[in-house]
Amino acid sequence: MIKYLSIKNLLLIDMINIEFNNGLCVLTGETGAGKSMILDSLSLISGERNKSSFRPEKGKITSVTAIIDISTFKYLKQKLLNLGIDCDDEIIIKRIISDTGKSKSFINDSLISLNILKEISNNLFEIHSQFSEQGLLDSSTHINILDEFGGYLDTKVKIKNYWNDLLRSKDNFKKKKEELNFVKNEMEQIKYNLKEIEALNPTENEFNTLVKKRVLLKNSVKISEGLKIIVDNFYSETPQGIDKLFVNNISELEKIRDLLDENSVKKIEELNSIYIDIQEIANYFSSLMNEEFDVLSLDKIEERIENYKRICRKHKIDETELLEFKKKLAEMADSTFQLQKITNDFEKIYLENSKKYEKESKELSRIRKNSAVKLDSFINNEFPALKLENAKFKSFFEESTPSSNGIDKVTFKIRTNPNSEMGEIKNISSGGELCRIALAIKVIAQKNNKTTMVFDEVDSGIGGAVSSAVGERLKKLGESKQVIVVTHSPQVAAFGNDHFVVKKKIVNNQSAIELKKLDEKEKLNEIARMLSGKEITEEAINAARKLITYS
């Protein structure tokens, strides 16, 4: 329920603060007093698009702030938490409009999008006006109204679970079937590709080895020339030859070996060891130099490298991935049988879930249709008292695309004149009729969990006993939820638990709107004014007192 509403700089409203209670709250005032502006503020926090007329004067900001009790909305609390918005049993909704016309929305000081605001607010309250397109005008809401009236929410939960199971199993089956079909359709190509790779017979790290060997063969001349210089330098008979230097030096050291100390002798042995190692290295490079580079082998390597690249380009893989790809193809070639079995298992689960869903959705449809008969009867019984004697209400069923809501599409249709065809509420009903039709439906289907309902001129075009009947039903509706009503009817106003009057006044040669909560005496006088006009007579006072007494 809305506990508090603050309006600042909205049209003719400078500042208004309203504290609301449960039950039926009525707003009255003379025509043009500004009651619609209160509803405009509610439409802003409900997420409706702001109008150009809402733009404040330059340098000012329009703001509407509401404190709303959400203590009974556990799922809504969780949704807010999922959005990163901390909350307890109350939330603060705020909508501001700058002098440029830009709008921002907040919940508990967290900036939110207009769509989020609308989604949250639509779970909390709804506004029924003569020109509103909410609620009943949207046929997609009709099935939920019927289900709330029927009270078979456990069955709906079961349907939703069956539907989710069905979607999940259908998706699994679809993916596996597509995989199987792909394998089957591509099997010949898979076998061909596998045969092609097997003909190449790639081995681990072969490609990198081939590339390195190719580099070696392409540079064979340069390598041979380098090796020749190295070997020549070692075995040269000139004094600069490494072998000659080592032999001569070792020979001279051996001549004086017996004359040297122990440490020097060790150094001679180390030199001998180094000489042996160098000889081995020299012999290696000498043998390498003597190897003949096979030009023909270079052609073969080039060809094999190109075969590697051709196959890998074809499959859009790296050359190093070819063995793994070969393994995958082999597995695919061997997997058809197993894949078929798995696909059959998934299909079985899908068909079982489909049968469960079909059975349960048909049962839900049967329950709905039985509930619709009762709903139609109850609502039609409400119409005469609301001066809708010729109106006829009926719930129509169509088979819809299966969903988490079952297989039904429910549309409420009505006729307001005898012998006329029934049509959708939005096409048949006038503004005043729509509010009364909505009232009848909400009174009957009051299991609706929205805690606040707003009616604008629900009493339009009626009076006397009919207005009293409307007031009585609004008060009855107010026993289970908060009801806010803008009315010109004294009979309706008399039923109010709280009564506010809206007045227009002149301040500094400018019009301004003020709102006041009435005490019992002020309420009596306001209803008397509504009965008699500007001059409140004693007869009007007595009539007002009588209305309040019997309300």
Protein backbone atom coordinates (compact mmCIF):
# COMPACT_ATOMS: atom_id res chain seq x y z
CA MET A 1 0.00 0.00 0.00
CA ILE A 2 0.99 3.63 -0.54
CA LYS A 3 1.76 5.07 2.90
CA TYR A 4 3.02 8.48 1.90
CA LEU A 5 2.99 10.64 -1.21
CA SER A 6 4.94 13.87 -1.73
CA ILE A 7 4.40 16.04 -4.82
CA LYS A 8 6.57 19.04 -5.64
CA ASN A 9 6.35 21.49 -8.54
CA LEU A 10 3.91 19.43 -10.59
CA LEU A 11 1.73 21.69 -12.75
CA LEU A 12 -0.17 23.89 -10.27
CA ILE A 13 1.02 21.95 -7.22
CA ASP A 14 3.76 23.74 -5.31
CA MET A 15 4.08 21.19 -2.51
CA ILE A 16 1.66 18.55 -1.24
CA ASN A 17 2.34 15.79 1.29
CA ILE A 18 -0.25 13.06 1.81
CA GLU A 19 -0.33 10.26 4.37
CA PHE A 20 -2.55 7.38 3.30
CA ASN A 21 -4.12 4.60 5.36
CA ASN A 22 -5.69 1.28 4.45
CA GLY A 23 -9.28 1.09 3.36
CA LEU A 24 -11.17 3.47 1.11
CA CYS A 25 -9.67 6.91 0.59
CA VAL A 26 -11.74 9.48 -1.34
CA LEU A 27 -10.57 12.66 -3.02
CA THR A 28 -13.17 15.30 -3.76
CA GLY A 29 -13.23 18.87 -4.94
CA GLU A 30 -14.94 21.13 -7.39
CA THR A 31 -14.52 20.57 -11.11
CA GLY A 32 -11.13 21.97 -12.16
CA ALA A 33 -9.82 21.99 -8.59
CA GLY A 34 -6.85 19.79 -9.54
CA LYS A 35 -7.82 16.27 -8.51
CA SER A 36 -6.45 14.91 -11.77
CA MET A 37 -3.01 16.25 -10.82
CA ILE A 38 -2.92 13.87 -7.87
CA LEU A 39 -3.56 11.03 -10.30
CA ASP A 40 -0.90 12.44 -12.62
CA SER A 41 1.61 12.10 -9.80
CA LEU A 42 0.60 8.47 -9.28
CA SER A 43 0.96 7.80 -13.00
CA LEU A 44 4.53 9.15 -12.85
CA ILE A 45 5.61 6.75 -10.11
CA SER A 46 3.83 3.94 -11.94
CA GLY A 47 6.34 4.33 -14.76
CA GLU A 48 4.22 6.15 -17.31
CA ARG A 49 5.97 8.40 -19.80
CA ASN A 50 6.11 11.99 -18.67
CA LYS A 51 4.16 14.58 -20.64
CA SER A 52 5.56 17.86 -21.91
CA SER A 53 3.09 19.62 -19.62
CA PHE A 54 4.86 18.11 -16.57
CA ARG A 55 8.05 20.04 -17.32
CA PRO A 56 8.67 22.55 -14.50
CA GLU A 57 9.64 26.17 -14.80
CA LYS A 58 13.25 27.00 -15.59
CA GLY A 59 15.47 26.42 -12.59
CA LYS A 60 12.98 24.10 -10.84
CA ILE A 61 12.65 20.31 -10.54
CA THR A 62 9.42 18.35 -10.47
CA SER A 63 9.48 15.44 -8.05
CA VAL A 64 7.05 12.77 -6.89
CA THR A 65 8.05 10.60 -3.95
CA ALA A 66 6.09 7.66 -2.55
CA ILE A 67 6.72 5.38 0.42
CA ILE A 68 5.15 1.99 -0.28
CA ASP A 69 4.67 -0.97 2.04
CA ILE A 70 5.90 -4.19 0.38
CA SER A 71 5.89 -6.41 3.47
CA THR A 72 3.61 -8.98 1.77
CA PHE A 73 5.62 -9.10 -1.47
CA LYS A 74 8.44 -11.58 -0.85
CA TYR A 75 9.07 -12.18 -4.56
CA LEU A 76 9.27 -8.42 -5.14
CA LYS A 77 11.82 -8.04 -2.34
CA GLN A 78 13.91 -10.76 -3.96
CA LYS A 79 13.66 -9.06 -7.35
CA LEU A 80 14.88 -5.79 -5.86
CA LEU A 81 17.76 -7.59 -4.17
CA ASN A 82 18.63 -9.19 -7.52
CA LEU A 83 18.78 -5.67 -8.96
CA GLY A 84 21.22 -4.68 -6.23
CA ILE A 85 18.64 -2.62 -4.31
CA ASP A 86 18.58 -3.14 -0.54
CA CYS A 87 15.10 -3.07 0.96
CA ASP A 88 13.06 -4.06 4.00
CA ASP A 89 9.28 -3.80 4.38
CA GLU A 90 9.15 -0.35 2.75
CA ILE A 91 10.56 1.13 -0.41
CA ILE A 92 10.87 4.75 -1.50
CA ILE A 93 10.02 5.39 -5.14
CA LYS A 94 11.05 8.75 -6.54
CA ARG A 95 10.58 10.29 -9.97
CA ILE A 96 12.13 13.63 -10.86
CA ILE A 97 11.75 15.77 -14.00
CA SER A 98 14.20 18.54 -14.82
CA ASP A 99 13.33 21.83 -16.53
CA THR A 100 14.68 20.29 -19.76
CA GLY A 101 12.07 17.55 -19.58
CA LYS A 102 14.54 14.77 -18.73
CA SER A 103 13.27 12.22 -16.23
CA LYS A 104 15.07 10.04 -13.66
CA SER A 105 13.64 7.27 -11.49
CA PHE A 106 14.91 5.92 -8.18
CA ILE A 107 14.07 3.13 -5.74
CA ASN A 108 15.74 3.59 -2.35
CA ASP A 109 18.11 6.13 -3.96
CA SER A 110 19.22 3.57 -6.59
CA LEU A 111 18.87 4.86 -10.15
CA ILE A 112 16.63 2.59 -12.24
CA SER A 113 15.27 2.54 -15.77
CA LEU A 114 11.70 3.53 -16.55
CA ASN A 115 10.94 -0.04 -17.59
CA ILE A 116 12.10 -1.37 -14.22
CA LEU A 117 10.01 1.27 -12.42
CA LYS A 118 6.97 0.27 -14.44
CA GLU A 119 7.54 -3.42 -13.77
CA ILE A 120 7.89 -2.86 -10.01
CA SER A 121 4.98 -0.41 -9.72
CA ASN A 122 2.65 -2.57 -11.77
CA ASN A 123 3.06 -5.26 -9.14
CA LEU A 124 1.97 -2.84 -6.41
CA PHE A 125 -0.90 -0.76 -7.73
CA GLU A 126 -3.01 -0.12 -10.77
CA ILE A 127 -4.88 2.93 -11.95
CA HIS A 128 -8.32 2.78 -13.56
CA SER A 129 -9.33 5.95 -15.29
CA GLN A 130 -11.71 6.77 -18.09
CA PHE A 131 -8.79 7.00 -20.48
CA SER A 132 -6.50 4.41 -18.96
CA GLU A 133 -5.07 1.56 -21.02
CA GLN A 134 -4.01 -0.47 -18.02
CA GLY A 135 -5.56 -3.45 -16.39
CA LEU A 136 -8.62 -4.75 -18.15
CA LEU A 137 -7.86 -3.14 -21.50
CA ASP A 138 -4.86 -5.43 -21.85
CA SER A 139 -6.34 -8.84 -22.67
CA SER A 140 -3.10 -10.56 -21.65
CA THR A 141 -4.03 -9.80 -18.00
CA HIS A 142 -7.40 -11.56 -18.22
CA ILE A 143 -6.09 -15.08 -17.72
CA ASN A 144 -4.30 -14.01 -14.53
CA ILE A 145 -7.47 -12.37 -13.17
CA LEU A 146 -9.38 -15.58 -13.83
CA ASP A 147 -6.67 -17.72 -12.22
CA GLU A 148 -6.54 -15.48 -9.14
CA PHE A 149 -10.30 -15.81 -8.81
CA GLY A 150 -10.14 -19.59 -9.22
CA GLY A 151 -7.42 -19.97 -6.60
CA TYR A 152 -5.72 -22.94 -8.32
CA LEU A 153 -2.25 -21.44 -8.13
CA ASP A 154 -0.69 -24.77 -7.09
CA THR A 155 -1.81 -26.26 -10.39
CA LYS A 156 -0.28 -23.29 -12.21
CA VAL A 157 3.03 -23.85 -10.42
CA LYS A 158 2.92 -27.51 -11.47
CA ILE A 159 2.25 -26.48 -15.08
CA LYS A 160 5.16 -24.07 -15.00
CA ASN A 161 7.49 -26.80 -13.71
CA TYR A 162 6.28 -29.25 -16.37
CA TRP A 163 6.78 -26.57 -19.01
CA ASN A 164 10.34 -25.87 -17.88
CA ASP A 165 11.09 -29.61 -17.90
CA LEU A 166 9.58 -29.85 -21.38
CA LEU A 167 11.64 -26.96 -22.74
CA ARG A 168 14.83 -28.32 -21.21
CA SER A 169 14.29 -31.86 -22.57
CA LYS A 170 13.23 -30.49 -25.95
CA ASP A 171 16.37 -28.41 -26.16
CA ASN A 172 18.55 -31.39 -25.20
CA PHE A 173 16.86 -33.61 -27.77
CA LYS A 174 17.10 -30.94 -30.47
CA LYS A 175 20.82 -30.38 -29.93
CA LYS A 176 21.60 -34.09 -29.87
CA LYS A 177 19.45 -34.72 -32.96
CA GLU A 178 21.21 -31.92 -34.82
CA GLU A 179 24.53 -33.42 -33.81
CA LEU A 180 23.43 -36.84 -35.02
CA ASN A 181 22.11 -35.46 -38.30
CA PHE A 182 25.35 -33.59 -38.81
CA VAL A 183 27.38 -36.70 -38.22
CA LYS A 184 25.19 -38.72 -40.56
CA ASN A 185 25.19 -36.09 -43.29
CA GLU A 186 28.90 -35.55 -42.97
CA MET A 187 29.92 -39.16 -42.49
CA GLU A 188 31.14 -39.65 -46.06
CA GLN A 189 33.06 -36.41 -45.90
CA ILE A 190 34.40 -37.37 -42.47
CA LYS A 191 35.62 -40.71 -43.81
CA TYR A 192 37.24 -38.99 -46.82
CA ASN A 193 38.97 -36.41 -44.62
CA LEU A 194 40.15 -39.12 -42.25
CA LYS A 195 41.53 -41.18 -45.16
CA GLU A 196 43.34 -38.13 -46.48
CA ILE A 197 44.99 -37.45 -43.12
CA GLU A 198 45.83 -41.11 -42.63
CA ALA A 199 47.55 -41.07 -46.04
CA LEU A 200 49.71 -38.19 -44.85
CA ASN A 201 50.38 -40.15 -41.65
CA PRO A 202 51.42 -37.20 -39.48
CA THR A 203 53.47 -37.81 -36.36
CA GLU A 204 54.00 -35.89 -33.14
CA ASN A 205 56.05 -32.68 -33.68
CA GLU A 206 56.82 -33.74 -37.27
CA PHE A 207 55.78 -30.46 -38.84
CA ASN A 208 58.08 -28.35 -36.66
CA THR A 209 60.92 -30.81 -37.33
CA LEU A 210 60.32 -30.57 -41.08
CA VAL A 211 60.40 -26.77 -40.95
CA LYS A 212 63.71 -26.80 -39.09
CA LYS A 213 65.21 -29.36 -41.48
CA ARG A 214 64.05 -27.28 -44.44
CA VAL A 215 65.88 -24.28 -43.04
CA LEU A 216 68.99 -26.44 -42.65
CA LEU A 217 68.88 -27.75 -46.23
CA LYS A 218 68.15 -24.36 -47.74
CA ASN A 219 71.30 -23.03 -46.05
CA SER A 220 73.51 -26.07 -46.74
CA VAL A 221 76.17 -24.14 -48.71
CA LYS A 222 76.54 -21.50 -46.07
CA ILE A 223 76.70 -24.17 -43.35
CA SER A 224 79.33 -26.21 -45.26
CA GLU A 225 81.52 -23.15 -45.75
CA GLY A 226 81.33 -22.32 -42.06
CA LEU A 227 82.18 -25.84 -41.02
CA LYS A 228 85.17 -25.95 -43.37
CA ILE A 229 86.64 -22.82 -41.79
CA ILE A 230 86.13 -24.30 -38.31
CA VAL A 231 87.83 -27.64 -39.20
CA ASP A 232 90.64 -25.90 -41.07
CA ASN A 233 91.31 -23.71 -38.08
CA PHE A 234 91.62 -26.75 -35.84
CA TYR A 235 93.81 -28.97 -38.01
CA SER A 236 95.97 -26.30 -39.64
CA GLU A 237 99.68 -27.02 -39.65
CA THR A 238 100.39 -23.37 -39.09
CA PRO A 239 101.33 -22.20 -35.60
CA GLN A 240 97.76 -20.78 -35.33
CA GLY A 241 96.18 -24.25 -35.69
CA ILE A 242 94.33 -25.21 -32.53
CA ASP A 243 95.55 -28.82 -32.64
CA LYS A 244 99.13 -27.70 -33.27
CA LEU A 245 99.01 -25.21 -30.38
CA PHE A 246 97.62 -27.72 -27.92
CA VAL A 247 100.16 -30.47 -28.91
CA ASN A 248 103.12 -28.13 -28.73
CA ASN A 249 102.09 -26.62 -25.39
CA ILE A 250 101.30 -29.96 -23.78
CA SER A 251 104.62 -31.36 -25.03
CA GLU A 252 106.58 -28.50 -23.47
CA LEU A 253 104.70 -28.83 -20.15
CA GLU A 254 105.41 -32.56 -19.99
CA LYS A 255 109.17 -31.85 -20.21
CA ILE A 256 109.09 -29.90 -16.95
CA ARG A 257 106.28 -31.86 -15.26
CA ASP A 258 108.58 -33.37 -12.61
CA LEU A 259 109.85 -29.95 -11.67
CA LEU A 260 106.39 -28.42 -10.97
CA ASP A 261 104.33 -28.40 -7.79
CA GLU A 262 101.24 -30.50 -7.27
CA ASN A 263 98.83 -27.73 -8.27
CA SER A 264 100.62 -27.10 -11.57
CA VAL A 265 100.57 -30.83 -12.39
CA LYS A 266 96.77 -30.77 -11.92
CA LYS A 267 96.55 -27.92 -14.42
CA ILE A 268 98.50 -30.00 -16.99
CA GLU A 269 95.96 -32.83 -16.52
CA GLU A 270 93.06 -30.39 -16.94
CA LEU A 271 94.66 -29.11 -20.16
CA ASN A 272 94.92 -32.69 -21.45
CA SER A 273 91.23 -33.22 -20.68
CA ILE A 274 90.26 -30.03 -22.46
CA TYR A 275 92.30 -31.10 -25.48
CA ILE A 276 90.48 -34.45 -25.61
CA ASP A 277 87.04 -32.64 -25.48
CA ILE A 278 88.08 -30.23 -28.23
CA GLN A 279 89.25 -33.13 -30.39
CA GLU A 280 85.80 -34.76 -30.03
CA ILE A 281 84.09 -31.49 -31.03
CA ALA A 282 86.43 -31.06 -33.97
CA ASN A 283 85.78 -34.61 -35.11
CA TYR A 284 81.99 -34.01 -34.88
CA PHE A 285 82.11 -30.91 -37.08
CA SER A 286 84.55 -32.66 -39.42
CA SER A 287 82.13 -35.57 -39.89
CA LEU A 288 79.23 -33.11 -40.29
CA MET A 289 81.17 -31.29 -42.96
CA ASN A 290 81.75 -34.53 -44.81
CA GLU A 291 78.00 -35.25 -44.96
CA GLU A 292 76.42 -34.57 -48.32
CA PHE A 293 73.24 -32.47 -48.32
CA ASP A 294 70.61 -34.23 -50.40
CA VAL A 295 68.85 -31.65 -52.60
CA LEU A 296 66.23 -34.22 -53.46
CA SER A 297 65.32 -34.58 -49.75
CA LEU A 298 64.64 -30.82 -49.67
CA ASP A 299 62.03 -31.25 -52.42
CA LYS A 300 60.41 -34.05 -50.46
CA ILE A 301 60.35 -31.95 -47.29
CA GLU A 302 58.81 -29.01 -49.18
CA GLU A 303 56.15 -31.29 -50.60
CA ARG A 304 55.31 -32.77 -47.19
CA ILE A 305 55.14 -29.33 -45.55
CA GLU A 306 52.78 -28.16 -48.31
CA ASN A 307 50.56 -31.25 -47.77
CA TYR A 308 50.41 -30.40 -44.09
CA LYS A 309 49.40 -26.81 -44.84
CA ARG A 310 46.85 -27.76 -47.52
CA ILE A 311 44.98 -30.14 -45.20
CA CYS A 312 45.10 -27.70 -42.28
CA ARG A 313 43.86 -24.79 -44.44
CA LYS A 314 40.98 -26.97 -45.55
CA HIS A 315 39.88 -27.57 -41.96
CA LYS A 316 40.93 -24.14 -40.64
CA ILE A 317 43.28 -25.53 -38.02
CA ASP A 318 46.90 -25.01 -37.09
CA GLU A 319 49.44 -27.59 -38.34
CA THR A 320 50.21 -28.55 -34.76
CA GLU A 321 46.52 -29.46 -34.24
CA LEU A 322 46.33 -32.01 -37.06
CA LEU A 323 46.82 -35.11 -34.91
CA GLU A 324 44.12 -33.98 -32.47
CA PHE A 325 41.78 -33.24 -35.38
CA LYS A 326 42.49 -36.70 -36.81
CA LYS A 327 41.56 -38.19 -33.44
CA LYS A 328 38.31 -36.20 -33.37
CA LEU A 329 37.35 -37.35 -36.87
CA ALA A 330 38.05 -40.95 -35.90
CA GLU A 331 35.86 -40.57 -32.83
CA MET A 332 33.06 -39.07 -34.93
CA ALA A 333 33.31 -41.92 -37.39
CA ASP A 334 32.99 -44.41 -34.52
CA SER A 335 30.33 -42.50 -32.57
CA THR A 336 27.28 -42.78 -34.80
CA PHE A 337 25.85 -45.81 -33.04
CA GLN A 338 26.38 -44.42 -29.54
CA LEU A 339 25.09 -41.01 -30.59
CA GLN A 340 21.93 -42.58 -32.01
CA LYS A 341 21.31 -44.34 -28.69
CA ILE A 342 21.78 -41.14 -26.70
CA THR A 343 19.49 -39.26 -29.10
CA ASN A 344 16.80 -41.90 -28.67
CA ASP A 345 17.07 -41.59 -24.89
CA PHE A 346 16.68 -37.80 -25.08
CA GLU A 347 13.70 -38.17 -27.38
CA LYS A 348 12.07 -40.55 -24.92
CA ILE A 349 12.48 -38.07 -22.05
CA TYR A 350 11.12 -35.25 -24.23
CA LEU A 351 8.04 -37.26 -25.26
CA GLU A 352 7.37 -38.25 -21.64
CA ASN A 353 7.58 -34.61 -20.51
CA SER A 354 5.38 -33.57 -23.43
CA LYS A 355 2.70 -36.06 -22.33
CA LYS A 356 2.89 -34.85 -18.72
CA TYR A 357 2.56 -31.22 -19.81
CA GLU A 358 -0.29 -31.98 -22.23
CA LYS A 359 -2.21 -33.90 -19.57
CA GLU A 360 -1.74 -31.27 -16.87
CA SER A 361 -2.45 -28.33 -19.19
CA LYS A 362 -5.71 -29.94 -20.33
CA GLU A 363 -6.68 -30.42 -16.69
CA LEU A 364 -5.84 -26.76 -15.98
CA SER A 365 -7.93 -25.73 -18.98
CA ARG A 366 -10.88 -27.73 -17.64
CA ILE A 367 -10.51 -26.12 -14.20
CA ARG A 368 -10.28 -22.68 -15.80
CA LYS A 369 -13.43 -23.14 -17.82
CA ASN A 370 -15.38 -24.25 -14.76
CA SER A 371 -14.01 -21.27 -12.84
CA ALA A 372 -14.90 -18.93 -15.72
CA VAL A 373 -18.56 -19.97 -15.53
CA LYS A 374 -18.62 -18.91 -11.86
CA LEU A 375 -16.71 -15.69 -12.52
CA ASP A 376 -19.08 -14.73 -15.35
CA SER A 377 -22.12 -15.37 -13.19
CA PHE A 378 -20.82 -13.41 -10.18
CA ILE A 379 -19.76 -10.41 -12.29
CA ASN A 380 -23.07 -10.32 -14.19
CA ASN A 381 -24.90 -10.29 -10.86
CA GLU A 382 -22.93 -7.17 -9.90
CA PHE A 383 -23.90 -5.18 -12.98
CA PRO A 384 -27.53 -4.20 -12.23
CA ALA A 385 -26.61 -2.41 -9.01
CA LEU A 386 -23.94 -0.48 -10.92
CA LYS A 387 -26.48 0.74 -13.51
CA LEU A 388 -25.21 -1.71 -16.07
CA GLU A 389 -28.52 -3.59 -16.35
CA ASN A 390 -28.05 -4.38 -20.00
CA ALA A 391 -24.42 -5.41 -19.70
CA LYS A 392 -23.39 -9.01 -20.23
CA PHE A 393 -19.95 -10.32 -19.32
CA LYS A 394 -18.39 -13.55 -20.59
CA SER A 395 -14.97 -15.19 -20.59
CA PHE A 396 -13.94 -16.54 -24.00
CA PHE A 397 -11.39 -19.29 -24.50
CA GLU A 398 -9.05 -19.90 -27.42
CA GLU A 399 -6.35 -22.49 -27.72
CA SER A 400 -3.04 -20.70 -27.59
CA THR A 401 0.54 -21.63 -28.22
CA PRO A 402 1.64 -23.79 -25.25
CA SER A 403 3.50 -21.84 -22.59
CA SER A 404 4.24 -21.85 -18.87
CA ASN A 405 0.67 -20.57 -18.51
CA GLY A 406 -0.90 -23.58 -20.19
CA ILE A 407 -2.70 -23.86 -23.51
CA ASP A 408 -5.44 -21.26 -22.98
CA LYS A 409 -5.91 -17.72 -24.15
CA VAL A 410 -8.63 -16.00 -22.12
CA THR A 411 -10.33 -12.84 -23.29
CA PHE A 412 -13.01 -11.00 -21.34
CA LYS A 413 -15.79 -9.75 -23.62
CA ILE A 414 -18.85 -7.66 -22.90
CA ARG A 415 -21.91 -6.09 -24.40
CA THR A 416 -23.55 -3.05 -22.88
CA ASN A 417 -26.71 -2.99 -25.02
CA PRO A 418 -29.28 -5.74 -25.62
CA ASN A 419 -28.97 -7.70 -28.84
CA SER A 420 -25.55 -6.20 -29.62
CA GLU A 421 -22.55 -8.40 -30.30
CA MET A 422 -20.05 -9.06 -27.58
CA GLY A 423 -16.65 -7.50 -28.04
CA GLU A 424 -13.46 -6.82 -26.14
CA ILE A 425 -13.85 -4.45 -23.23
CA LYS A 426 -11.55 -1.82 -24.76
CA ASN A 427 -13.73 -1.65 -27.91
CA ILE A 428 -17.18 -1.77 -26.31
CA SER A 429 -17.03 0.18 -23.05
CA SER A 430 -17.05 3.92 -22.56
CA GLY A 431 -14.82 5.53 -19.93
CA GLY A 432 -17.43 5.59 -17.18
CA GLU A 433 -18.59 2.09 -17.98
CA LEU A 434 -15.04 0.78 -17.95
CA CYS A 435 -14.44 1.98 -14.41
CA ARG A 436 -17.64 0.32 -13.19
CA ILE A 437 -16.87 -2.89 -15.07
CA ALA A 438 -13.40 -2.87 -13.55
CA LEU A 439 -14.93 -2.30 -10.12
CA ALA A 440 -17.29 -5.25 -10.53
CA ILE A 441 -14.44 -7.51 -11.61
CA LYS A 442 -12.12 -6.39 -8.83
CA VAL A 443 -14.79 -6.83 -6.16
CA ILE A 444 -15.39 -10.38 -7.33
CA ALA A 445 -11.79 -11.29 -8.15
CA GLN A 446 -10.28 -9.52 -5.16
CA LYS A 447 -7.68 -12.20 -4.59
CA ASN A 448 -5.54 -9.92 -6.76
CA ASN A 449 -2.40 -9.38 -4.71
CA LYS A 450 -1.96 -5.73 -5.68
CA THR A 451 -2.40 -3.76 -2.50
CA THR A 452 -3.54 -0.44 -4.00
CA MET A 453 -6.19 0.32 -6.59
CA VAL A 454 -6.96 3.77 -7.92
CA PHE A 455 -10.29 4.68 -9.55
CA ASP A 456 -10.89 7.94 -11.36
CA GLU A 457 -14.53 8.98 -11.59
CA VAL A 458 -15.85 5.45 -11.31
CA ASP A 459 -19.24 7.10 -10.63
CA SER A 460 -19.35 8.98 -13.94
CA GLY A 461 -22.87 9.23 -15.36
CA ILE A 462 -24.64 7.69 -12.37
CA GLY A 463 -26.23 8.94 -9.19
CA GLY A 464 -28.56 8.16 -6.31
CA ALA A 465 -28.90 4.55 -5.32
CA VAL A 466 -26.48 3.42 -8.02
CA SER A 467 -23.79 5.69 -6.62
CA SER A 468 -24.45 4.25 -3.19
CA ALA A 469 -24.04 0.76 -4.61
CA VAL A 470 -20.72 1.81 -6.16
CA GLY A 471 -19.59 3.32 -2.85
CA GLU A 472 -20.59 0.17 -1.00
CA ARG A 473 -18.56 -2.00 -3.35
CA LEU A 474 -15.55 0.29 -3.17
CA LYS A 475 -15.65 0.06 0.61
CA LYS A 476 -15.95 -3.73 0.40
CA LEU A 477 -12.92 -3.77 -1.90
CA GLY A 478 -11.13 -1.56 0.62
CA GLU A 479 -11.46 -4.30 3.26
CA SER A 480 -8.78 -6.33 1.47
CA LYS A 481 -6.67 -3.61 -0.13
CA GLN A 482 -6.08 0.12 -0.27
CA VAL A 483 -8.52 1.90 -2.59
CA ILE A 484 -8.08 5.51 -3.70
CA VAL A 485 -11.06 7.09 -5.48
CA VAL A 486 -11.49 10.45 -7.17
CA THR A 487 -15.21 11.16 -7.09
CA HIS A 488 -17.88 13.81 -7.60
CA SER A 489 -20.51 11.62 -5.96
CA PRO A 490 -21.54 12.43 -2.36
CA GLN A 491 -22.93 8.91 -2.07
CA VAL A 492 -19.52 7.41 -2.89
CA ALA A 493 -17.63 9.93 -0.71
CA ALA A 494 -19.78 9.03 2.30
CA PHE A 495 -18.26 5.53 2.33
CA GLY A 496 -14.69 6.80 2.63
CA ASN A 497 -12.54 5.81 5.59
CA ASP A 498 -10.36 8.84 4.82
CA HIS A 499 -11.50 11.94 2.99
CA PHE A 500 -9.27 14.51 1.28
CA VAL A 501 -10.48 17.66 -0.45
CA VAL A 502 -8.59 19.32 -3.27
CA LYS A 503 -8.93 23.07 -3.69
CA LYS A 504 -7.58 25.66 -6.09
CA LYS A 505 -6.49 28.97 -4.59
CA ILE A 506 -4.87 32.17 -5.82
CA VAL A 507 -1.45 33.00 -4.38
CA ASN A 508 0.41 36.07 -5.68
CA ASN A 509 -1.95 36.27 -8.64
CA GLN A 510 -1.16 32.66 -9.54
CA SER A 511 -3.30 29.54 -9.21
CA ALA A 512 -2.11 26.88 -6.77
CA ILE A 513 -3.44 23.54 -5.59
CA GLU A 514 -3.79 22.54 -1.95
CA LEU A 515 -4.98 19.33 -0.36
CA LYS A 516 -6.42 18.81 3.09
CA LYS A 517 -7.45 15.76 5.07
CA LEU A 518 -10.88 16.29 6.58
CA ASP A 519 -12.05 15.53 10.08
CA GLU A 520 -15.58 14.24 10.65
CA LYS A 521 -17.17 17.70 10.76
CA GLU A 522 -15.30 18.86 7.67
CA LYS A 523 -16.27 15.66 5.89
CA LEU A 524 -19.92 16.32 6.73
CA ASN A 525 -19.69 19.84 5.30
CA GLU A 526 -17.88 18.69 2.15
CA ILE A 527 -20.51 16.04 1.39
CA ALA A 528 -23.20 18.64 2.03
CA ARG A 529 -21.48 20.95 -0.47
CA MET A 530 -21.42 18.14 -2.99
CA LEU A 531 -25.15 17.69 -2.47
CA SER A 532 -26.25 21.34 -2.56
CA GLY A 533 -23.54 23.34 -4.32
CA LYS A 534 -21.83 26.48 -3.00
CA GLU A 535 -24.54 27.30 -0.46
CA ILE A 536 -24.64 24.61 2.20
CA THR A 537 -28.20 24.37 3.51
CA GLU A 538 -29.46 22.70 6.65
CA GLU A 539 -31.25 20.22 4.44
CA ALA A 540 -27.96 19.37 2.77
CA ILE A 541 -26.27 18.92 6.15
CA ASN A 542 -29.01 16.53 7.26
CA ALA A 543 -28.83 14.62 3.97
CA ALA A 544 -25.06 14.36 4.26
CA ARG A 545 -25.33 13.12 7.83
CA LYS A 546 -27.82 10.49 6.68
CA LEU A 547 -25.48 9.32 3.89
CA ILE A 548 -22.58 8.99 6.32
CA THR A 549 -24.72 7.16 8.86
CA TYR A 550 -25.86 4.53 6.37
CA SER A 551 -22.50 4.15 4.67
